[in-house]
Amino acid sequence: MNGFIFTLMLIAMGLTLLSLIAGIFVMAKGGKLNEMYANKLMRARVYSQGFALALFAVAFLMNQTA
């Protein structure tokens, strides 16, 4: 089970990084692309970051009881 949680944490961290980089790129590009996608990408970053933190908490709690 710990391997599964660890894999999910890596995926969530990767998604966080990917959405952060994409959001910064879109904001730097500006224009119509920025208006359409910047807020959505930053919102996706917040959601994936929250998911990663929740997985860290689950992994921490699982190691406390083991």
C-alpha atoms as a PDB file:
ATOM      1  CA  MET A   1       0.000   0.000   0.000  1.00  0.00           C
ATOM      2  CA  ASN A   2       2.840   2.406   0.749  1.00  0.00           C
ATOM      3  CA  GLY A   3       4.218   1.907  -2.761  1.00  0.00           C
ATOM      4  CA  PHE A   4       0.827   2.820  -4.203  1.00  0.00           C
ATOM      5  CA  ILE A   5       0.596   6.002  -2.098  1.00  0.00           C
ATOM      6  CA  PHE A   6       4.178   6.896  -3.032  1.00  0.00           C
ATOM      7  CA  THR A   7       3.389   6.472  -6.736  1.00  0.00           C
ATOM      8  CA  LEU A   8       0.294   8.648  -6.411  1.00  0.00           C
ATOM      9  CA  MET A   9       2.366  11.286  -4.603  1.00  0.00           C
ATOM     10  CA  LEU A  10       4.903  11.325  -7.449  1.00  0.00           C
ATOM     11  CA  ILE A  11       2.125  11.679 -10.018  1.00  0.00           C
ATOM     12  CA  ALA A  12       0.479  14.494  -8.048  1.00  0.00           C
ATOM     13  CA  MET A  13       3.800  16.315  -7.649  1.00  0.00           C
ATOM     14  CA  GLY A  14       4.502  15.922 -11.359  1.00  0.00           C
ATOM     15  CA  LEU A  15       1.080  17.289 -12.256  1.00  0.00           C
ATOM     16  CA  THR A  16       1.663  20.217  -9.911  1.00  0.00           C
ATOM     17  CA  LEU A  17       4.979  21.014 -11.533  1.00  0.00           C
ATOM     18  CA  LEU A  18       3.594  20.597 -15.041  1.00  0.00           C
ATOM     19  CA  SER A  19       0.618  22.880 -14.432  1.00  0.00           C
ATOM     20  CA  LEU A  20       2.851  25.469 -12.725  1.00  0.00           C
ATOM     21  CA  ILE A  21       5.293  25.566 -15.633  1.00  0.00           C
ATOM     22  CA  ALA A  22       2.474  25.674 -18.192  1.00  0.00           C
ATOM     23  CA  GLY A  23       0.709  28.457 -16.266  1.00  0.00           C
ATOM     24  CA  ILE A  24       3.857  30.557 -16.025  1.00  0.00           C
ATOM     25  CA  PHE A  25       4.551  30.042 -19.727  1.00  0.00           C
ATOM     26  CA  VAL A  26       1.006  31.041 -20.682  1.00  0.00           C
ATOM     27  CA  MET A  27       1.126  34.135 -18.450  1.00  0.00           C
ATOM     28  CA  ALA A  28       4.474  35.168 -19.922  1.00  0.00           C
ATOM     29  CA  LYS A  29       3.135  34.699 -23.451  1.00  0.00           C
ATOM     30  CA  GLY A  30       0.181  36.979 -22.687  1.00  0.00           C
ATOM     31  CA  GLY A  31      -2.619  37.914 -25.025  1.00  0.00           C
ATOM     32  CA  LYS A  32      -5.638  35.765 -25.813  1.00  0.00           C
ATOM     33  CA  LEU A  33      -3.922  32.587 -24.616  1.00  0.00           C
ATOM     34  CA  ASN A  34      -3.412  34.153 -21.192  1.00  0.00           C
ATOM     35  CA  GLU A  35      -7.048  35.189 -20.959  1.00  0.00           C
ATOM     36  CA  MET A  36      -8.262  31.712 -21.866  1.00  0.00           C
ATOM     37  CA  TYR A  37      -5.963  29.405 -19.896  1.00  0.00           C
ATOM     38  CA  ALA A  38      -3.886  31.126 -17.197  1.00  0.00           C
ATOM     39  CA  ASN A  39      -6.541  31.006 -14.481  1.00  0.00           C
ATOM     40  CA  LYS A  40      -7.507  27.415 -15.340  1.00  0.00           C
ATOM     41  CA  LEU A  41      -3.899  26.246 -15.194  1.00  0.00           C
ATOM     42  CA  MET A  42      -3.261  27.952 -11.855  1.00  0.00           C
ATOM     43  CA  ARG A  43      -6.469  26.457 -10.479  1.00  0.00           C
ATOM     44  CA  ALA A  44      -5.320  23.030 -11.674  1.00  0.00           C
ATOM     45  CA  ARG A  45      -2.019  23.648  -9.857  1.00  0.00           C
ATOM     46  CA  VAL A  46      -3.814  24.400  -6.609  1.00  0.00           C
ATOM     47  CA  TYR A  47      -5.966  21.266  -6.898  1.00  0.00           C
ATOM     48  CA  SER A  48      -3.048  18.978  -7.704  1.00  0.00           C
ATOM     49  CA  GLN A  49      -0.974  20.545  -4.936  1.00  0.00           C
ATOM     50  CA  GLY A  50      -3.789  19.981  -2.462  1.00  0.00           C
ATOM     51  CA  PHE A  51      -4.089  16.377  -3.612  1.00  0.00           C
ATOM     52  CA  ALA A  52      -0.334  15.897  -3.158  1.00  0.00           C
ATOM     53  CA  LEU A  53      -0.482  17.347   0.356  1.00  0.00           C
ATOM     54  CA  ALA A  54      -3.409  15.091   1.244  1.00  0.00           C
ATOM     55  CA  LEU A  55      -1.409  12.085   0.045  1.00  0.00           C
ATOM     56  CA  PHE A  56       1.560  13.203   2.158  1.00  0.00           C
ATOM     57  CA  ALA A  57      -0.738  13.362   5.176  1.00  0.00           C
ATOM     58  CA  VAL A  58      -2.122   9.874   4.441  1.00  0.00           C
ATOM     59  CA  ALA A  59       1.390   8.470   4.065  1.00  0.00           C
ATOM     60  CA  PHE A  60       2.454  10.146   7.300  1.00  0.00           C
ATOM     61  CA  LEU A  61      -0.535   8.780   9.204  1.00  0.00           C
ATOM     62  CA  MET A  62       0.000   5.293   7.777  1.00  0.00           C
ATOM     63  CA  ASN A  63       3.634   5.313   8.950  1.00  0.00           C
ATOM     64  CA  GLN A  64       2.631   6.525  12.432  1.00  0.00           C
ATOM     65  CA  THR A  65       0.376   3.539  13.037  1.00  0.00           C
ATOM     66  CA  ALA A  66       2.714   0.944  11.495  1.00  0.00           C
END
